[in-house]
Amino acid sequence: MKRLTTHPLAGVIATALLLTAILGSMVFDRVRLLQTAREIVLPITPVDPRDLFRGDYARLTYEISTLDSHLLVWAPGDPRRPKNVFATLESDVTFKWRVVAVSLNLPKNLATNQIAIAGRLNQRQPNSVSYGIERYYVPEGTGDDLEKLARDKTLSAVVAVDTRGRAAIKGLMRDGRRIYDEPLW
């Protein structure tokens, strides 16, 4: 203890290094997710709100965000309803993804046309789940354009999903062509 009080600069440097390492690991984790995870494409419907600190973003909703009641692994209105779930998505021959199962644990041994995505249940809407991909930050003034594309049903999100079910938006597509890419850094 005496050593730190005689060299207060060492404590400041150690704290700065620790905080830098924590922030660096968060950035590295996100970059690794975007670079190495499996990609899926989900149709979206955005709304254009604004975040005071980060600017314009599109609020995205997905068909997979509303679960069919027959897939629920808990009873409606059950006070022990879980907060976190894993949705098993399955793609058909047209590469349209839909929820085929919901579980409390990460599913194992999925088919090649399936992927598990981690979600958090909405406490007010029993069949609604969020996957952490409901916001996409866009260049200022482009939110209205995204809303129009969504109304025309021509907009989709490219989503990276890793083996633990974590998801991140890699970009947006219009009619099968990439129009926005998420910068890695």
N, C-alpha and C. Protein backbone atom coordinates (compact mmCIF):
# COMPACT_ATOMS: atom_id res chain seq x y z
N MET A 1 0.82 -1.19 0.00
CA MET A 1 0.00 0.00 0.00
C MET A 1 0.87 1.25 0.00
N LYS A 2 1.97 1.20 0.72
CA LYS A 2 2.84 2.37 0.80
C LYS A 2 3.42 2.70 -0.56
N ARG A 3 3.68 1.68 -1.37
CA ARG A 3 4.28 1.89 -2.68
C ARG A 3 3.34 2.72 -3.58
N LEU A 4 2.02 2.45 -3.56
CA LEU A 4 1.08 3.20 -4.37
C LEU A 4 0.95 4.65 -3.92
N THR A 5 1.03 4.89 -2.63
CA THR A 5 0.90 6.26 -2.14
C THR A 5 2.16 7.07 -2.43
N THR A 6 3.29 6.42 -2.53
CA THR A 6 4.51 7.17 -2.85
C THR A 6 4.65 7.38 -4.35
N HIS A 7 3.93 6.58 -5.15
CA HIS A 7 3.95 6.74 -6.61
C HIS A 7 2.52 6.78 -7.14
N PRO A 8 1.80 7.89 -6.92
CA PRO A 8 0.41 7.95 -7.35
C PRO A 8 0.27 7.85 -8.87
N LEU A 9 1.28 8.24 -9.60
CA LEU A 9 1.23 8.15 -11.06
C LEU A 9 1.11 6.69 -11.51
N ALA A 10 1.71 5.76 -10.77
CA ALA A 10 1.63 4.35 -11.13
C ALA A 10 0.18 3.86 -11.03
N GLY A 11 -0.55 4.31 -10.05
CA GLY A 11 -1.96 3.93 -9.91
C GLY A 11 -2.80 4.49 -11.05
N VAL A 12 -2.54 5.71 -11.44
CA VAL A 12 -3.27 6.33 -12.55
C VAL A 12 -2.97 5.59 -13.85
N ILE A 13 -1.71 5.25 -14.06
CA ILE A 13 -1.32 4.53 -15.28
C ILE A 13 -1.95 3.15 -15.29
N ALA A 14 -1.94 2.45 -14.16
CA ALA A 14 -2.53 1.11 -14.09
C ALA A 14 -4.03 1.17 -14.36
N THR A 15 -4.72 2.17 -13.81
CA THR A 15 -6.15 2.34 -14.04
C THR A 15 -6.42 2.63 -15.52
N ALA A 16 -5.63 3.51 -16.11
CA ALA A 16 -5.80 3.86 -17.52
C ALA A 16 -5.58 2.63 -18.40
N LEU A 17 -4.58 1.83 -18.10
CA LEU A 17 -4.32 0.61 -18.88
C LEU A 17 -5.46 -0.38 -18.74
N LEU A 18 -5.99 -0.54 -17.54
CA LEU A 18 -7.10 -1.45 -17.32
C LEU A 18 -8.33 -1.02 -18.10
N LEU A 19 -8.68 0.26 -18.04
CA LEU A 19 -9.84 0.77 -18.76
C LEU A 19 -9.65 0.66 -20.27
N THR A 20 -8.45 0.93 -20.74
CA THR A 20 -8.15 0.79 -22.17
C THR A 20 -8.29 -0.66 -22.61
N ALA A 21 -7.82 -1.59 -21.78
CA ALA A 21 -7.93 -3.00 -22.12
C ALA A 21 -9.40 -3.45 -22.17
N ILE A 22 -10.21 -2.96 -21.25
CA ILE A 22 -11.63 -3.31 -21.23
C ILE A 22 -12.32 -2.78 -22.49
N LEU A 23 -12.10 -1.51 -22.82
CA LEU A 23 -12.71 -0.93 -24.02
C LEU A 23 -12.19 -1.62 -25.28
N GLY A 24 -10.90 -1.91 -25.31
CA GLY A 24 -10.32 -2.60 -26.46
C GLY A 24 -10.92 -3.98 -26.66
N SER A 25 -11.16 -4.69 -25.57
CA SER A 25 -11.75 -6.03 -25.70
C SER A 25 -13.18 -5.94 -26.20
N MET A 26 -13.93 -4.91 -25.81
CA MET A 26 -15.30 -4.74 -26.31
C MET A 26 -15.29 -4.48 -27.82
N VAL A 27 -14.39 -3.62 -28.27
CA VAL A 27 -14.29 -3.31 -29.70
C VAL A 27 -13.84 -4.55 -30.46
N PHE A 28 -12.83 -5.25 -29.96
CA PHE A 28 -12.34 -6.45 -30.62
C PHE A 28 -13.43 -7.52 -30.71
N ASP A 29 -14.21 -7.68 -29.65
CA ASP A 29 -15.28 -8.66 -29.64
C ASP A 29 -16.30 -8.35 -30.72
N ARG A 30 -16.67 -7.09 -30.87
CA ARG A 30 -17.63 -6.68 -31.90
C ARG A 30 -17.07 -6.90 -33.31
N VAL A 31 -15.81 -6.53 -33.51
CA VAL A 31 -15.18 -6.72 -34.83
C VAL A 31 -15.11 -8.20 -35.17
N ARG A 32 -14.73 -9.03 -34.20
CA ARG A 32 -14.64 -10.47 -34.44
C ARG A 32 -16.01 -11.04 -34.79
N LEU A 33 -17.06 -10.58 -34.11
CA LEU A 33 -18.42 -11.03 -34.41
C LEU A 33 -18.79 -10.68 -35.85
N LEU A 34 -18.53 -9.45 -36.26
CA LEU A 34 -18.88 -9.01 -37.61
C LEU A 34 -18.06 -9.71 -38.69
N GLN A 35 -16.82 -10.06 -38.38
CA GLN A 35 -15.96 -10.67 -39.39
C GLN A 35 -16.12 -12.18 -39.49
N THR A 36 -16.41 -12.87 -38.40
CA THR A 36 -16.34 -14.33 -38.43
C THR A 36 -17.69 -15.03 -38.29
N ALA A 37 -18.73 -14.35 -37.89
CA ALA A 37 -20.01 -15.01 -37.66
C ALA A 37 -20.73 -15.28 -38.98
N ARG A 38 -21.66 -16.21 -38.93
CA ARG A 38 -22.47 -16.57 -40.10
C ARG A 38 -23.45 -15.45 -40.41
N GLU A 39 -23.64 -15.17 -41.70
CA GLU A 39 -24.56 -14.11 -42.13
C GLU A 39 -25.93 -14.67 -42.48
N ILE A 40 -26.96 -13.94 -42.06
CA ILE A 40 -28.33 -14.22 -42.50
C ILE A 40 -28.95 -12.90 -42.93
N VAL A 41 -29.95 -12.95 -43.78
CA VAL A 41 -30.61 -11.73 -44.26
C VAL A 41 -32.07 -11.78 -43.79
N LEU A 42 -32.50 -10.70 -43.10
CA LEU A 42 -33.84 -10.62 -42.55
C LEU A 42 -34.56 -9.40 -43.09
N PRO A 43 -35.79 -9.54 -43.63
CA PRO A 43 -36.58 -8.37 -44.05
C PRO A 43 -36.92 -7.50 -42.85
N ILE A 44 -36.93 -6.18 -43.04
CA ILE A 44 -37.15 -5.27 -41.92
C ILE A 44 -38.20 -4.20 -42.25
N THR A 45 -38.66 -3.54 -41.20
CA THR A 45 -39.57 -2.41 -41.29
C THR A 45 -39.05 -1.33 -40.35
N PRO A 46 -38.33 -0.32 -40.84
CA PRO A 46 -37.77 0.69 -39.93
C PRO A 46 -38.69 1.89 -39.69
N VAL A 47 -38.38 2.60 -38.63
CA VAL A 47 -38.98 3.89 -38.30
C VAL A 47 -37.80 4.80 -38.02
N ASP A 48 -37.88 6.08 -38.33
CA ASP A 48 -36.71 6.95 -38.23
C ASP A 48 -36.74 7.84 -37.00
N PRO A 49 -36.24 7.37 -35.86
CA PRO A 49 -36.08 8.26 -34.71
C PRO A 49 -34.68 8.87 -34.70
N ARG A 50 -34.33 9.54 -33.64
CA ARG A 50 -33.02 10.18 -33.52
C ARG A 50 -32.50 9.98 -32.11
N ASP A 51 -31.20 9.70 -32.00
CA ASP A 51 -30.52 9.56 -30.72
C ASP A 51 -29.68 10.82 -30.53
N LEU A 52 -29.85 11.49 -29.40
CA LEU A 52 -29.18 12.75 -29.16
C LEU A 52 -27.66 12.64 -29.31
N PHE A 53 -27.06 11.55 -28.86
CA PHE A 53 -25.61 11.42 -28.86
C PHE A 53 -25.05 10.72 -30.10
N ARG A 54 -25.82 9.78 -30.69
CA ARG A 54 -25.28 9.00 -31.79
C ARG A 54 -25.88 9.36 -33.14
N GLY A 55 -26.89 10.22 -33.18
CA GLY A 55 -27.44 10.66 -34.45
C GLY A 55 -28.65 9.87 -34.89
N ASP A 56 -28.88 9.89 -36.22
CA ASP A 56 -30.04 9.21 -36.79
C ASP A 56 -29.86 7.70 -36.73
N TYR A 57 -30.94 7.03 -36.46
CA TYR A 57 -30.92 5.57 -36.56
C TYR A 57 -32.27 5.10 -37.04
N ALA A 58 -32.24 3.92 -37.61
CA ALA A 58 -33.49 3.29 -38.03
C ALA A 58 -33.84 2.26 -36.98
N ARG A 59 -35.05 2.31 -36.48
CA ARG A 59 -35.53 1.29 -35.55
C ARG A 59 -36.11 0.17 -36.41
N LEU A 60 -35.60 -1.02 -36.22
CA LEU A 60 -35.93 -2.13 -37.10
C LEU A 60 -36.81 -3.15 -36.39
N THR A 61 -37.77 -3.66 -37.10
CA THR A 61 -38.56 -4.78 -36.59
C THR A 61 -38.46 -5.90 -37.61
N TYR A 62 -38.60 -7.12 -37.10
CA TYR A 62 -38.43 -8.30 -37.94
C TYR A 62 -39.61 -9.24 -37.72
N GLU A 63 -39.89 -10.06 -38.71
CA GLU A 63 -40.92 -11.08 -38.55
C GLU A 63 -40.55 -12.04 -37.42
N ILE A 64 -39.26 -12.30 -37.25
CA ILE A 64 -38.82 -13.24 -36.21
C ILE A 64 -38.96 -12.68 -34.81
N SER A 65 -39.32 -11.39 -34.70
CA SER A 65 -39.47 -10.77 -33.38
C SER A 65 -40.79 -11.12 -32.70
N THR A 66 -41.74 -11.64 -33.45
CA THR A 66 -43.02 -12.07 -32.88
C THR A 66 -43.09 -13.59 -32.94
N LEU A 67 -43.14 -14.21 -31.76
CA LEU A 67 -43.13 -15.67 -31.67
C LEU A 67 -44.54 -16.22 -31.75
N ASP A 68 -44.71 -17.31 -32.48
CA ASP A 68 -46.00 -18.02 -32.49
C ASP A 68 -46.20 -18.63 -31.11
N SER A 69 -47.42 -18.57 -30.60
CA SER A 69 -47.70 -19.05 -29.24
C SER A 69 -47.43 -20.54 -29.08
N HIS A 70 -47.55 -21.33 -30.15
CA HIS A 70 -47.29 -22.77 -30.02
C HIS A 70 -45.80 -23.08 -29.83
N LEU A 71 -44.91 -22.08 -30.06
CA LEU A 71 -43.48 -22.29 -29.88
C LEU A 71 -43.00 -21.97 -28.46
N LEU A 72 -43.85 -21.30 -27.68
CA LEU A 72 -43.43 -20.84 -26.35
C LEU A 72 -43.22 -22.03 -25.42
N VAL A 73 -42.14 -21.95 -24.64
CA VAL A 73 -41.81 -23.03 -23.70
C VAL A 73 -42.27 -22.69 -22.29
N TRP A 74 -43.18 -21.74 -22.16
CA TRP A 74 -43.75 -21.33 -20.88
C TRP A 74 -45.22 -21.03 -21.12
N ALA A 75 -45.98 -21.04 -20.08
CA ALA A 75 -47.41 -20.75 -20.20
C ALA A 75 -47.63 -19.25 -20.27
N PRO A 76 -48.58 -18.79 -21.10
CA PRO A 76 -48.89 -17.36 -21.14
C PRO A 76 -49.29 -16.87 -19.75
N GLY A 77 -48.75 -15.72 -19.35
CA GLY A 77 -49.07 -15.16 -18.05
C GLY A 77 -48.28 -15.77 -16.90
N ASP A 78 -47.41 -16.74 -17.17
CA ASP A 78 -46.61 -17.39 -16.13
C ASP A 78 -45.64 -16.38 -15.52
N PRO A 79 -45.70 -16.15 -14.20
CA PRO A 79 -44.80 -15.17 -13.58
C PRO A 79 -43.33 -15.63 -13.63
N ARG A 80 -43.10 -16.92 -13.86
CA ARG A 80 -41.72 -17.43 -13.96
C ARG A 80 -41.22 -17.41 -15.40
N ARG A 81 -41.90 -16.65 -16.23
CA ARG A 81 -41.51 -16.56 -17.64
C ARG A 81 -40.05 -16.10 -17.73
N PRO A 82 -39.26 -16.73 -18.58
CA PRO A 82 -37.84 -16.36 -18.67
C PRO A 82 -37.65 -14.98 -19.29
N LYS A 83 -36.47 -14.41 -19.05
CA LYS A 83 -36.14 -13.13 -19.66
C LYS A 83 -35.37 -13.34 -20.96
N ASN A 84 -34.55 -14.37 -20.99
CA ASN A 84 -33.70 -14.64 -22.16
C ASN A 84 -34.06 -15.99 -22.76
N VAL A 85 -34.06 -16.02 -24.09
CA VAL A 85 -34.37 -17.26 -24.81
C VAL A 85 -33.45 -17.36 -26.03
N PHE A 86 -33.47 -18.53 -26.63
CA PHE A 86 -32.78 -18.75 -27.90
C PHE A 86 -33.83 -19.18 -28.92
N ALA A 87 -33.88 -18.46 -30.03
CA ALA A 87 -34.79 -18.82 -31.10
C ALA A 87 -33.99 -19.57 -32.17
N THR A 88 -34.50 -20.71 -32.57
CA THR A 88 -33.88 -21.45 -33.67
C THR A 88 -34.53 -20.97 -34.95
N LEU A 89 -33.72 -20.41 -35.83
CA LEU A 89 -34.20 -19.93 -37.13
C LEU A 89 -33.87 -20.97 -38.18
N GLU A 90 -34.76 -21.10 -39.13
CA GLU A 90 -34.54 -22.04 -40.22
C GLU A 90 -34.83 -21.33 -41.53
N SER A 91 -33.96 -21.54 -42.52
CA SER A 91 -34.20 -20.92 -43.83
C SER A 91 -34.79 -21.94 -44.79
N ASP A 92 -35.66 -21.42 -45.66
CA ASP A 92 -36.23 -22.29 -46.69
C ASP A 92 -35.38 -22.16 -47.96
N VAL A 93 -35.86 -22.69 -49.06
CA VAL A 93 -35.07 -22.66 -50.30
C VAL A 93 -34.88 -21.24 -50.85
N THR A 94 -35.74 -20.30 -50.44
CA THR A 94 -35.60 -18.91 -50.88
C THR A 94 -34.77 -18.10 -49.88
N PHE A 95 -34.20 -18.77 -48.88
CA PHE A 95 -33.39 -18.15 -47.83
C PHE A 95 -34.18 -17.18 -46.96
N LYS A 96 -35.47 -17.44 -46.82
CA LYS A 96 -36.30 -16.68 -45.89
C LYS A 96 -36.21 -17.39 -44.54
N TRP A 97 -35.86 -16.64 -43.50
CA TRP A 97 -35.66 -17.20 -42.17
C TRP A 97 -36.93 -17.08 -41.34
N ARG A 98 -37.27 -18.14 -40.60
CA ARG A 98 -38.43 -18.11 -39.71
C ARG A 98 -38.07 -18.87 -38.44
N VAL A 99 -38.77 -18.54 -37.35
CA VAL A 99 -38.54 -19.20 -36.07
C VAL A 99 -39.26 -20.55 -36.08
N VAL A 100 -38.50 -21.62 -35.79
CA VAL A 100 -39.10 -22.95 -35.75
C VAL A 100 -39.10 -23.54 -34.34
N ALA A 101 -38.32 -22.95 -33.43
CA ALA A 101 -38.28 -23.44 -32.05
C ALA A 101 -37.75 -22.34 -31.14
N VAL A 102 -38.15 -22.42 -29.88
CA VAL A 102 -37.67 -21.49 -28.85
C VAL A 102 -37.23 -22.34 -27.67
N SER A 103 -36.06 -22.02 -27.12
CA SER A 103 -35.57 -22.78 -25.97
C SER A 103 -34.91 -21.85 -24.96
N LEU A 104 -34.73 -22.36 -23.77
CA LEU A 104 -34.10 -21.58 -22.71
C LEU A 104 -32.58 -21.68 -22.76
N ASN A 105 -32.06 -22.69 -23.46
CA ASN A 105 -30.62 -22.90 -23.58
C ASN A 105 -30.23 -22.91 -25.05
N LEU A 106 -28.96 -22.64 -25.30
CA LEU A 106 -28.45 -22.64 -26.67
C LEU A 106 -28.59 -24.03 -27.27
N PRO A 107 -29.35 -24.17 -28.37
CA PRO A 107 -29.53 -25.49 -28.98
C PRO A 107 -28.23 -26.00 -29.60
N LYS A 108 -28.05 -27.29 -29.58
CA LYS A 108 -26.87 -27.94 -30.16
C LYS A 108 -27.30 -28.74 -31.38
N ASN A 109 -26.35 -29.11 -32.21
CA ASN A 109 -26.56 -29.99 -33.36
C ASN A 109 -27.66 -29.49 -34.29
N LEU A 110 -27.59 -28.25 -34.67
CA LEU A 110 -28.57 -27.69 -35.60
C LEU A 110 -28.25 -28.13 -37.03
N ALA A 111 -29.28 -28.21 -37.86
CA ALA A 111 -29.09 -28.53 -39.28
C ALA A 111 -28.35 -27.38 -39.97
N THR A 112 -27.84 -27.62 -41.16
CA THR A 112 -27.08 -26.58 -41.86
C THR A 112 -27.93 -25.39 -42.26
N ASN A 113 -29.24 -25.59 -42.37
CA ASN A 113 -30.13 -24.47 -42.71
C ASN A 113 -30.76 -23.83 -41.47
N GLN A 114 -30.16 -24.10 -40.30
CA GLN A 114 -30.66 -23.53 -39.04
C GLN A 114 -29.55 -22.76 -38.33
N ILE A 115 -29.99 -21.82 -37.52
CA ILE A 115 -29.07 -21.04 -36.69
C ILE A 115 -29.82 -20.61 -35.43
N ALA A 116 -29.11 -20.53 -34.32
CA ALA A 116 -29.73 -20.09 -33.06
C ALA A 116 -29.33 -18.65 -32.79
N ILE A 117 -30.30 -17.85 -32.37
CA ILE A 117 -30.06 -16.44 -32.08
C ILE A 117 -30.60 -16.14 -30.68
N ALA A 118 -29.79 -15.45 -29.89
CA ALA A 118 -30.17 -15.12 -28.51
C ALA A 118 -31.09 -13.91 -28.51
N GLY A 119 -32.11 -13.99 -27.66
CA GLY A 119 -33.06 -12.88 -27.58
C GLY A 119 -33.50 -12.61 -26.15
N ARG A 120 -34.07 -11.45 -25.97
CA ARG A 120 -34.60 -11.04 -24.67
C ARG A 120 -36.09 -10.79 -24.85
N LEU A 121 -36.89 -11.44 -24.01
CA LEU A 121 -38.34 -11.30 -24.11
C LEU A 121 -38.79 -9.93 -23.64
N ASN A 122 -39.76 -9.37 -24.33
CA ASN A 122 -40.37 -8.12 -23.94
C ASN A 122 -41.31 -8.42 -22.77
N GLN A 123 -41.15 -7.74 -21.67
CA GLN A 123 -41.95 -8.03 -20.47
C GLN A 123 -43.41 -7.60 -20.62
N ARG A 124 -43.70 -6.66 -21.53
CA ARG A 124 -45.07 -6.19 -21.70
C ARG A 124 -45.83 -6.92 -22.80
N GLN A 125 -45.12 -7.49 -23.75
CA GLN A 125 -45.75 -8.22 -24.85
C GLN A 125 -45.27 -9.67 -24.79
N PRO A 126 -46.14 -10.59 -24.45
CA PRO A 126 -45.72 -11.96 -24.16
C PRO A 126 -45.04 -12.70 -25.31
N ASN A 127 -45.34 -12.38 -26.55
CA ASN A 127 -44.76 -13.11 -27.68
C ASN A 127 -43.69 -12.31 -28.42
N SER A 128 -43.25 -11.21 -27.85
CA SER A 128 -42.29 -10.34 -28.52
C SER A 128 -40.88 -10.53 -27.95
N VAL A 129 -39.91 -10.60 -28.84
CA VAL A 129 -38.52 -10.81 -28.42
C VAL A 129 -37.61 -9.84 -29.18
N SER A 130 -36.59 -9.34 -28.48
CA SER A 130 -35.58 -8.46 -29.08
C SER A 130 -34.27 -9.22 -29.16
N TYR A 131 -33.54 -9.00 -30.25
CA TYR A 131 -32.29 -9.72 -30.47
C TYR A 131 -31.06 -8.82 -30.40
N GLY A 132 -31.25 -7.55 -30.06
CA GLY A 132 -30.13 -6.63 -30.01
C GLY A 132 -29.75 -6.07 -31.37
N ILE A 133 -30.61 -6.28 -32.35
CA ILE A 133 -30.36 -5.80 -33.71
C ILE A 133 -31.50 -4.89 -34.17
N GLU A 134 -32.12 -4.23 -33.22
CA GLU A 134 -33.30 -3.42 -33.52
C GLU A 134 -32.96 -1.95 -33.84
N ARG A 135 -31.70 -1.58 -33.78
CA ARG A 135 -31.29 -0.21 -34.13
C ARG A 135 -30.14 -0.29 -35.13
N TYR A 136 -30.23 0.57 -36.14
CA TYR A 136 -29.13 0.69 -37.10
C TYR A 136 -28.89 2.18 -37.32
N TYR A 137 -27.68 2.63 -36.96
CA TYR A 137 -27.34 4.04 -37.09
C TYR A 137 -26.97 4.34 -38.53
N VAL A 138 -27.55 5.43 -39.06
CA VAL A 138 -27.41 5.77 -40.47
C VAL A 138 -26.88 7.20 -40.59
N PRO A 139 -26.32 7.53 -41.76
CA PRO A 139 -25.89 8.92 -41.97
C PRO A 139 -27.08 9.87 -41.81
N GLU A 140 -26.80 11.03 -41.25
CA GLU A 140 -27.86 11.99 -40.97
C GLU A 140 -28.65 12.33 -42.23
N GLY A 141 -29.96 12.35 -42.07
CA GLY A 141 -30.85 12.71 -43.16
C GLY A 141 -31.25 11.55 -44.06
N THR A 142 -30.75 10.35 -43.79
CA THR A 142 -31.09 9.21 -44.65
C THR A 142 -32.19 8.35 -44.06
N GLY A 143 -32.62 8.65 -42.86
CA GLY A 143 -33.66 7.86 -42.22
C GLY A 143 -34.97 7.85 -43.00
N ASP A 144 -35.34 9.00 -43.58
CA ASP A 144 -36.58 9.07 -44.37
C ASP A 144 -36.51 8.14 -45.58
N ASP A 145 -35.34 8.09 -46.21
CA ASP A 145 -35.16 7.19 -47.36
C ASP A 145 -35.36 5.74 -46.94
N LEU A 146 -34.83 5.38 -45.76
CA LEU A 146 -34.99 4.01 -45.27
C LEU A 146 -36.44 3.69 -44.98
N GLU A 147 -37.16 4.66 -44.42
CA GLU A 147 -38.58 4.45 -44.16
C GLU A 147 -39.34 4.16 -45.45
N LYS A 148 -39.03 4.90 -46.50
CA LYS A 148 -39.71 4.68 -47.78
C LYS A 148 -39.38 3.28 -48.32
N LEU A 149 -38.12 2.88 -48.25
CA LEU A 149 -37.74 1.56 -48.72
C LEU A 149 -38.45 0.47 -47.91
N ALA A 150 -38.59 0.70 -46.61
CA ALA A 150 -39.27 -0.28 -45.77
C ALA A 150 -40.75 -0.37 -46.13
N ARG A 151 -41.38 0.77 -46.37
CA ARG A 151 -42.80 0.76 -46.76
C ARG A 151 -42.99 0.00 -48.08
N ASP A 152 -42.00 0.12 -48.96
CA ASP A 152 -42.06 -0.58 -50.25
C ASP A 152 -41.64 -2.04 -50.12
N LYS A 153 -41.29 -2.45 -48.90
CA LYS A 153 -40.88 -3.84 -48.61
C LYS A 153 -39.68 -4.28 -49.44
N THR A 154 -38.71 -3.36 -49.61
CA THR A 154 -37.51 -3.70 -50.37
C THR A 154 -36.26 -3.70 -49.51
N LEU A 155 -36.40 -3.55 -48.20
CA LEU A 155 -35.25 -3.41 -47.32
C LEU A 155 -35.06 -4.65 -46.46
N SER A 156 -33.81 -5.09 -46.33
CA SER A 156 -33.46 -6.23 -45.48
C SER A 156 -32.19 -5.91 -44.71
N ALA A 157 -32.01 -6.59 -43.59
CA ALA A 157 -30.80 -6.42 -42.79
C ALA A 157 -29.92 -7.65 -42.97
N VAL A 158 -28.61 -7.41 -43.13
CA VAL A 158 -27.63 -8.49 -43.14
C VAL A 158 -27.14 -8.61 -41.70
N VAL A 159 -27.38 -9.75 -41.08
CA VAL A 159 -27.10 -9.94 -39.66
C VAL A 159 -26.06 -11.05 -39.49
N ALA A 160 -25.05 -10.77 -38.69
CA ALA A 160 -24.04 -11.77 -38.35
C ALA A 160 -24.46 -12.42 -37.04
N VAL A 161 -24.48 -13.76 -37.00
CA VAL A 161 -24.86 -14.50 -35.81
C VAL A 161 -23.74 -15.49 -35.51
N ASP A 162 -23.15 -15.41 -34.31
CA ASP A 162 -22.05 -16.31 -33.99
C ASP A 162 -22.56 -17.61 -33.35
N THR A 163 -21.65 -18.49 -33.00
CA THR A 163 -22.02 -19.81 -32.48
C THR A 163 -22.65 -19.75 -31.09
N ARG A 164 -22.55 -18.62 -30.40
CA ARG A 164 -23.20 -18.45 -29.10
C ARG A 164 -24.56 -17.77 -29.22
N GLY A 165 -24.97 -17.45 -30.45
CA GLY A 165 -26.27 -16.83 -30.67
C GLY A 165 -26.26 -15.32 -30.63
N ARG A 166 -25.10 -14.72 -30.43
CA ARG A 166 -25.03 -13.25 -30.42
C ARG A 166 -25.15 -12.74 -31.84
N ALA A 167 -25.86 -11.61 -32.01
CA ALA A 167 -26.11 -11.07 -33.34
C ALA A 167 -25.69 -9.61 -33.44
N ALA A 168 -25.30 -9.21 -34.65
CA ALA A 168 -24.96 -7.82 -34.93
C ALA A 168 -25.32 -7.53 -36.39
N ILE A 169 -25.77 -6.32 -36.65
CA ILE A 169 -26.10 -5.93 -38.01
C ILE A 169 -24.82 -5.61 -38.77
N LYS A 170 -24.64 -6.25 -39.92
CA LYS A 170 -23.47 -5.99 -40.78
C LYS A 170 -23.78 -4.95 -41.84
N GLY A 171 -25.05 -4.81 -42.19
CA GLY A 171 -25.40 -3.85 -43.23
C GLY A 171 -26.87 -3.96 -43.60
N LEU A 172 -27.26 -3.15 -44.57
CA LEU A 172 -28.63 -3.16 -45.08
C LEU A 172 -28.60 -3.43 -46.57
N MET A 173 -29.65 -4.13 -47.03
CA MET A 173 -29.77 -4.47 -48.45
C MET A 173 -31.08 -3.93 -49.00
N ARG A 174 -31.04 -3.55 -50.26
CA ARG A 174 -32.25 -3.14 -50.98
C ARG A 174 -32.34 -4.00 -52.23
N ASP A 175 -33.42 -4.74 -52.34
CA ASP A 175 -33.63 -5.62 -53.49
C ASP A 175 -32.43 -6.51 -53.76
N GLY A 176 -31.85 -7.05 -52.69
CA GLY A 176 -30.73 -7.98 -52.83
C GLY A 176 -29.37 -7.33 -53.04
N ARG A 177 -29.28 -6.00 -53.00
CA ARG A 177 -28.01 -5.29 -53.20
C ARG A 177 -27.66 -4.52 -51.93
N ARG A 178 -26.43 -4.64 -51.47
CA ARG A 178 -25.99 -3.96 -50.26
C ARG A 178 -25.96 -2.45 -50.48
N ILE A 179 -26.63 -1.70 -49.56
CA ILE A 179 -26.62 -0.25 -49.67
C ILE A 179 -25.91 0.42 -48.50
N TYR A 180 -25.79 -0.28 -47.37
CA TYR A 180 -25.04 0.22 -46.21
C TYR A 180 -24.21 -0.92 -45.65
N ASP A 181 -22.99 -0.61 -45.24
CA ASP A 181 -22.15 -1.58 -44.54
C ASP A 181 -21.74 -0.99 -43.20
N GLU A 182 -21.79 -1.82 -42.17
CA GLU A 182 -21.37 -1.40 -40.83
C GLU A 182 -19.85 -1.31 -40.81
N PRO A 183 -19.29 -0.13 -40.47
CA PRO A 183 -17.82 -0.03 -40.39
C PRO A 183 -17.31 -0.86 -39.21
N LEU A 184 -16.18 -1.53 -39.41
CA LEU A 184 -15.63 -2.37 -38.35
C LEU A 184 -14.98 -1.52 -37.26
N TRP A 185 -14.42 -0.40 -37.61
CA TRP A 185 -13.74 0.43 -36.61
C TRP A 185 -14.38 1.76 -36.49
